[in-house]
Protein backbone atom coordinates (compact mmCIF):
# COMPACT_ATOMS: atom_id res chain seq x y z
CA UNK A 1 -20.47 20.59 45.28
CA UNK A 2 -19.43 22.84 48.21
CA UNK A 3 -20.51 25.88 50.22
CA UNK A 4 -17.92 28.43 51.31
CA UNK A 5 -17.87 31.86 53.00
CA UNK A 6 -18.57 33.97 49.92
CA UNK A 7 -19.82 31.50 47.33
CA UNK A 8 -21.31 28.08 46.75
CA UNK A 9 -20.85 25.76 43.78
CA UNK A 10 -23.94 23.68 43.09
CA UNK A 11 -24.67 20.84 40.67
CA UNK A 12 -27.12 21.49 37.84
CA UNK A 13 -29.94 18.98 37.88
CA UNK A 14 -29.58 16.22 35.26
CA UNK A 15 -26.15 17.53 34.20
CA UNK A 16 -23.33 16.16 36.39
CA UNK A 17 -20.67 17.94 34.31
CA UNK A 18 -21.93 21.48 34.90
CA UNK A 19 -22.08 23.53 38.10
CA UNK A 20 -23.41 26.97 39.04
CA UNK A 21 -21.37 29.44 41.11
CA UNK A 22 -23.58 31.52 43.43
CA UNK A 23 -22.90 34.22 46.00
CA UNK A 24 -24.23 34.17 49.57
CA UNK A 25 -27.62 35.58 48.55
CA UNK A 26 -28.06 33.10 45.71
CA UNK A 27 -27.15 35.30 42.72
CA UNK A 28 -25.55 33.38 39.84
CA UNK A 29 -21.94 34.51 39.32
CA UNK A 30 -20.64 31.94 36.86
CA UNK A 31 -20.32 28.30 35.91
CA UNK A 32 -17.91 25.39 36.11
CA UNK A 33 -17.84 22.98 33.17
CA UNK A 34 -16.12 19.61 33.63
CA UNK A 35 -14.86 18.98 30.10
CA UNK A 36 -12.98 15.78 30.89
CA UNK A 37 -12.54 13.79 34.09
CA UNK A 38 -9.83 11.16 33.55
CA UNK A 39 -9.84 8.93 36.61
CA UNK A 40 -7.28 6.52 35.15
CA UNK A 41 -4.68 9.22 34.50
CA UNK A 42 -5.78 11.22 37.54
CA UNK A 43 -6.49 14.56 35.87
CA UNK A 44 -9.40 16.86 35.09
CA UNK A 45 -9.99 19.56 32.47
CA UNK A 46 -12.28 22.41 33.56
CA UNK A 47 -13.67 25.51 31.87
CA UNK A 48 -14.35 28.28 34.38
CA UNK A 49 -16.62 31.21 33.52
CA UNK A 50 -17.63 34.23 35.59
CA UNK A 51 -20.52 36.39 34.37
CA UNK A 52 -20.78 39.04 37.07
CA UNK A 53 -17.85 41.28 38.06
CA UNK A 54 -18.87 42.39 41.54
CA UNK A 55 -16.80 44.31 44.10
CA UNK A 56 -15.71 40.93 45.45
CA UNK A 57 -14.92 39.51 42.00
CA UNK A 58 -11.28 38.70 42.84
CA UNK A 59 -12.22 37.04 46.15
CA UNK A 60 -15.00 35.06 44.43
CA UNK A 61 -12.50 33.63 41.95
CA UNK A 62 -10.00 32.78 44.68
CA UNK A 63 -12.67 30.98 46.68
CA UNK A 64 -13.86 29.11 43.58
CA UNK A 65 -10.32 27.93 42.96
CA UNK A 66 -10.01 26.87 46.60
CA UNK A 67 -13.14 24.75 46.22
CA UNK A 68 -11.95 23.19 42.96
CA UNK A 69 -8.46 22.34 44.22
CA UNK A 70 -9.82 20.96 47.48
CA UNK A 71 -12.41 18.86 45.65
CA UNK A 72 -10.18 17.35 42.98
CA UNK A 73 -6.90 17.06 44.89
CA UNK A 74 -8.05 16.26 48.41
CA UNK A 75 -11.35 14.47 47.82
CA UNK A 76 -10.96 12.99 44.33
CA UNK A 77 -7.22 12.26 44.75
CA UNK A 78 -6.26 13.57 41.31
CA UNK A 79 -2.72 14.47 40.24
CA UNK A 80 -3.42 17.45 37.98
CA UNK A 81 -6.02 20.13 37.28
CA UNK A 82 -6.15 21.99 33.97
CA UNK A 83 -8.22 25.14 33.72
CA UNK A 84 -9.49 26.97 30.62
CA UNK A 85 -10.52 30.63 30.96
CA UNK A 86 -11.30 33.45 28.55
CA UNK A 87 -8.87 36.29 27.84
CA UNK A 88 -11.02 38.68 29.94
CA UNK A 89 -10.49 36.56 33.05
CA UNK A 90 -8.47 37.92 35.99
CA UNK A 91 -5.29 35.87 35.52
CA UNK A 92 -3.69 37.24 38.67
CA UNK A 93 -6.12 35.24 40.82
CA UNK A 94 -5.21 32.02 39.02
CA UNK A 95 -1.48 32.70 39.29
CA UNK A 96 -1.85 33.52 43.00
CA UNK A 97 -3.17 30.00 43.55
CA UNK A 98 -0.13 28.42 41.91
CA UNK A 99 -1.50 27.67 38.44
CA UNK A 100 0.95 28.08 35.56
CA UNK A 101 0.20 29.10 32.00
CA UNK A 102 0.54 26.07 29.71
CA UNK A 103 -0.93 27.26 26.44
CA UNK A 104 -3.08 29.66 24.46
CA UNK A 105 -6.12 28.45 22.52
CA UNK A 106 -6.23 30.98 19.71
CA UNK A 107 -9.53 32.35 18.39
CA UNK A 108 -11.80 29.81 20.09
CA UNK A 109 -14.63 32.19 21.07
CA UNK A 110 -16.80 33.64 18.30
CA UNK A 111 -17.79 37.24 19.03
CA UNK A 112 -19.33 38.28 15.72
CA UNK A 113 -18.28 38.62 12.11
CA UNK A 114 -14.47 38.35 11.84
CA UNK A 115 -14.14 38.80 15.60
CA UNK A 116 -12.74 36.03 17.77
CA UNK A 117 -11.22 35.89 21.22
CA UNK A 118 -8.73 33.45 22.67
CA UNK A 119 -8.74 31.24 25.75
CA UNK A 120 -5.87 30.44 28.10
CA UNK A 121 -4.94 27.04 29.50
CA UNK A 122 -3.52 26.93 33.03
CA UNK A 123 -2.43 23.89 35.01
CA UNK A 124 -1.34 22.84 38.48
CA UNK A 125 -0.16 19.50 39.89
CA UNK A 126 -0.68 18.12 43.37
CA UNK A 127 2.99 18.78 44.21
CA UNK A 128 2.69 22.42 43.23
CA UNK A 129 -0.55 22.66 45.18
CA UNK A 130 1.11 21.26 48.29
CA UNK A 131 4.06 23.63 48.07
CA UNK A 132 1.55 26.46 48.05
CA UNK A 133 1.64 30.05 46.87
CA UNK A 134 3.89 29.36 43.92
CA UNK A 135 4.24 32.49 41.80
CA UNK A 136 4.57 32.03 38.05
CA UNK A 137 6.45 35.28 37.81
CA UNK A 138 9.43 35.66 35.55
CA UNK A 139 12.26 37.84 36.84
CA UNK A 140 15.80 38.90 35.96
CA UNK A 141 18.27 39.63 38.75
CA UNK A 142 21.11 42.13 38.44
CA UNK A 143 23.72 43.36 40.90
CA UNK A 144 21.56 46.17 42.28
CA UNK A 145 18.07 45.65 40.89
CA UNK A 146 15.60 42.97 39.86
CA UNK A 147 13.28 43.06 36.86
CA UNK A 148 9.89 41.42 37.33
CA UNK A 149 7.05 41.01 34.87
CA UNK A 150 4.32 43.41 35.97
CA UNK A 151 0.95 41.79 36.69
CA UNK A 152 -2.37 43.11 38.01
CA UNK A 153 -1.08 42.24 41.48
CA UNK A 154 1.26 45.22 41.14
CA UNK A 155 -1.58 47.73 40.68
CA UNK A 156 -1.07 49.44 44.04
CA UNK A 157 2.70 49.89 43.76
CA UNK A 158 2.31 50.96 40.13
CA UNK A 159 -0.27 53.57 41.16
CA UNK A 160 2.04 54.90 43.87
CA UNK A 161 4.90 55.09 41.35
CA UNK A 162 2.76 56.99 38.81
CA UNK A 163 1.41 59.46 41.38
CA UNK A 164 4.85 59.99 42.90
CA UNK A 165 6.37 60.75 39.50
CA UNK A 166 3.40 62.48 37.87
CA UNK A 167 5.08 65.85 37.40
CA UNK A 168 8.49 64.33 36.72
CA UNK A 169 7.26 62.16 33.83
CA UNK A 170 4.66 64.54 32.40
CA UNK A 171 7.03 66.22 29.87
CA UNK A 172 8.04 62.83 28.41
CA UNK A 173 4.77 60.88 28.24
CA UNK A 174 1.37 61.05 26.52
CA UNK A 175 -1.32 63.06 28.30
CA UNK A 176 -2.89 60.96 31.07
CA UNK A 177 -6.56 61.12 32.04
CA UNK A 178 -7.78 61.00 35.64
CA UNK A 179 -8.56 57.29 35.38
CA UNK A 180 -4.87 56.54 34.85
CA UNK A 181 -4.11 57.78 38.36
CA UNK A 182 -6.59 55.44 40.05
CA UNK A 183 -6.22 51.88 41.30
CA UNK A 184 -8.85 50.69 38.80
CA UNK A 185 -7.02 52.42 35.97
CA UNK A 186 -3.69 50.84 36.85
CA UNK A 187 -5.26 47.41 37.26
CA UNK A 188 -6.88 47.71 33.84
CA UNK A 189 -3.59 48.77 32.24
CA UNK A 190 -1.60 45.99 33.90
CA UNK A 191 -4.23 43.37 33.04
CA UNK A 192 -4.08 44.35 29.38
CA UNK A 193 -0.29 44.47 29.47
CA UNK A 194 -0.08 41.02 31.06
CA UNK A 195 -2.41 39.59 28.41
CA UNK A 196 -0.14 41.05 25.73
CA UNK A 197 2.80 39.38 27.48
CA UNK A 198 1.03 36.02 27.46
CA UNK A 199 0.25 36.53 23.77
CA UNK A 200 3.91 37.28 23.00
CA UNK A 201 3.25 40.87 21.91
CA UNK A 202 5.05 42.79 24.64
CA UNK A 203 7.12 42.40 27.80
CA UNK A 204 6.62 44.93 30.61
CA UNK A 205 9.10 44.77 33.49
CA UNK A 206 8.96 46.58 36.78
CA UNK A 207 12.39 47.68 38.01
CA UNK A 208 12.59 46.75 41.69
CA UNK A 209 15.12 47.71 44.32
CA UNK A 210 14.26 45.35 47.13
CA UNK A 211 10.48 45.49 47.34
CA UNK A 212 10.28 49.03 45.95
CA UNK A 213 9.20 49.75 42.38
CA UNK A 214 11.68 52.36 41.14
CA UNK A 215 11.14 52.20 37.39
CA UNK A 216 9.55 50.52 34.40
CA UNK A 217 10.89 49.16 31.12
CA UNK A 218 8.64 47.91 28.34
CA UNK A 219 9.36 46.10 25.08
CA UNK A 220 6.36 46.50 22.78
CA UNK A 221 5.43 46.11 19.11
CA UNK A 222 7.15 42.72 19.09
CA UNK A 223 7.25 41.46 15.50
CA UNK A 224 8.60 38.05 14.54
CA UNK A 225 9.07 36.64 11.04
CA UNK A 226 11.70 38.33 8.90
CA UNK A 227 11.82 41.46 11.09
CA UNK A 228 12.31 40.07 14.62
CA UNK A 229 12.14 43.53 16.12
CA UNK A 230 10.60 45.48 18.99
CA UNK A 231 10.49 48.94 20.57
CA UNK A 232 11.73 49.78 24.05
CA UNK A 233 10.52 52.51 26.38
CA UNK A 234 11.34 53.16 30.02
CA UNK A 235 11.06 55.49 32.99
CA UNK A 236 12.88 55.90 36.31
CA UNK A 237 11.75 57.26 39.65
CA UNK A 238 12.89 60.87 39.98
CA UNK A 239 14.83 60.25 43.19
CA UNK A 240 16.60 57.17 41.76
CA UNK A 241 18.06 58.88 38.68
CA UNK A 242 21.81 59.08 38.14
CA UNK A 243 22.59 55.85 40.02
CA UNK A 244 23.05 53.57 37.02
CA UNK A 245 19.85 51.60 37.60
CA UNK A 246 18.34 52.36 34.19
CA UNK A 247 21.49 51.33 32.38
CA UNK A 248 21.61 48.10 34.37
CA UNK A 249 17.93 47.42 33.67
CA UNK A 250 18.32 47.99 29.95
CA UNK A 251 21.35 45.71 29.70
CA UNK A 252 19.62 42.96 31.68
CA UNK A 253 16.48 43.10 29.57
CA UNK A 254 18.40 43.36 26.28
CA UNK A 255 20.07 40.04 26.99
CA UNK A 256 16.63 38.51 27.51
CA UNK A 257 15.25 40.04 24.30
CA UNK A 258 18.18 38.91 22.16
CA UNK A 259 18.97 35.52 23.70
CA UNK A 260 15.56 34.27 24.87
CA UNK A 261 13.09 35.98 22.54
CA UNK A 262 15.69 35.74 19.76
CA UNK A 263 14.85 39.15 18.33
CA UNK A 264 17.29 40.88 16.01
CA UNK A 265 16.63 44.57 16.52
CA UNK A 266 15.49 46.93 19.28
CA UNK A 267 14.39 50.46 18.45
CA UNK A 268 14.05 53.42 20.83
CA UNK A 269 13.32 57.13 20.65
CA UNK A 270 13.90 60.15 22.88
CA UNK A 271 12.83 63.77 22.84
CA UNK A 272 15.50 66.05 21.43
CA UNK A 273 16.33 67.51 24.84
CA UNK A 274 16.23 64.26 26.83
CA UNK A 275 19.99 63.92 27.16
CA UNK A 276 19.84 61.53 30.13
CA UNK A 277 17.90 58.95 28.12
CA UNK A 278 20.20 59.42 25.14
CA UNK A 279 23.24 58.70 27.32
CA UNK A 280 21.62 55.53 28.64
CA UNK A 281 20.94 54.26 25.13
CA UNK A 282 24.41 55.07 23.83
CA UNK A 283 26.05 53.42 26.85
CA UNK A 284 24.10 50.24 26.00
CA UNK A 285 25.29 50.14 22.41
CA UNK A 286 22.40 51.91 20.67
CA UNK A 287 23.25 53.92 17.58
CA UNK A 288 21.62 57.19 16.57
CA UNK A 289 19.59 56.91 13.38
CA UNK A 290 18.30 60.45 12.94
CA UNK A 291 15.43 62.79 13.80
CA UNK A 292 11.83 61.73 13.24
CA UNK A 293 9.77 64.91 13.01
CA UNK A 294 6.41 65.16 14.79
CA UNK A 295 6.80 61.52 15.80
CA UNK A 296 4.79 61.14 19.02
CA UNK A 297 2.00 63.10 20.70
CA UNK A 298 3.66 63.95 24.01
CA UNK A 299 2.23 66.15 26.74
CA UNK A 300 -0.38 67.65 24.42
CA UNK A 301 1.63 68.23 21.24
CA UNK A 302 3.41 66.41 18.41
CA UNK A 303 7.11 66.28 19.25
CA UNK A 304 10.26 65.53 17.26
CA UNK A 305 12.26 62.53 18.45
CA UNK A 306 15.77 61.20 17.92
CA UNK A 307 15.60 57.57 16.77
CA UNK A 308 18.02 54.92 18.04
CA UNK A 309 18.48 51.25 17.24
CA UNK A 310 20.47 48.29 18.52
CA UNK A 311 20.94 45.02 16.65
CA UNK A 312 21.93 41.71 18.15
CA UNK A 313 25.59 40.79 18.22
CA UNK A 314 26.04 37.35 19.75
CA UNK A 315 29.75 37.93 20.38
CA UNK A 316 29.16 41.13 22.29
CA UNK A 317 28.82 41.09 26.07
CA UNK A 318 26.04 43.13 27.62
């Protein structure tokens, strides 16, 4: 197909629908499978697989996507490209190139007895490709802050936030290993978190003031069906406390949880002596439920927590 700076994509002999991705020294990195090429409707469906995660893994994916978009948009004059990748794939590279998530193919990869993994379907049109650098990044804007879904692209700012607030957050969080305070550790955490977001299991927002990450708020354990509930947890940069940002972030995100996700109940918990967090919850309409003894393993020991809850009231303004 094409040679580029870091990789080449070459046709497999006697198989025009399959291509090998190689690095500059000829090592096989992955494959491109053309599942369907619809010339009449001007679209193509591709499965992209990478086998080797090298130091230049992210750049290799970006360059592969450059080759594919150039080939099918510029040379083949197609209108749309759809891309199927496994759940282990680095989605941030795909999003950076303007692709948008269009669906989840549940349990399509057999990994052993009673063990299946899902695939994700991304798409991009020629118009989106021409606009360039479109970010499929959901955000909520308030008066003073903006909430953005955290992705692996935020690994560096997330690492800086965690290191900066290491001592401040230590009394309120689980014990963290050394890996947590590394770029690789943060990228791994954010990749997993983003996959959970795509699967509808959690929503992790970064709280931004301008371009600065000043806090985090996460809705996890999302359960649908007859419960329609979730759990919220959050943290704020030590130097940004007492300015109303956490209250604003919680109110913004609650509206999203109740009106968009259509959940009925949000639960939260605080340590007995965390009065600041308790005030935030109460100011946002949470009600105290009681004390849950030895509830969470925090900073090396099982700690009692006060439980709070908030149910949806469509007539109430946030």
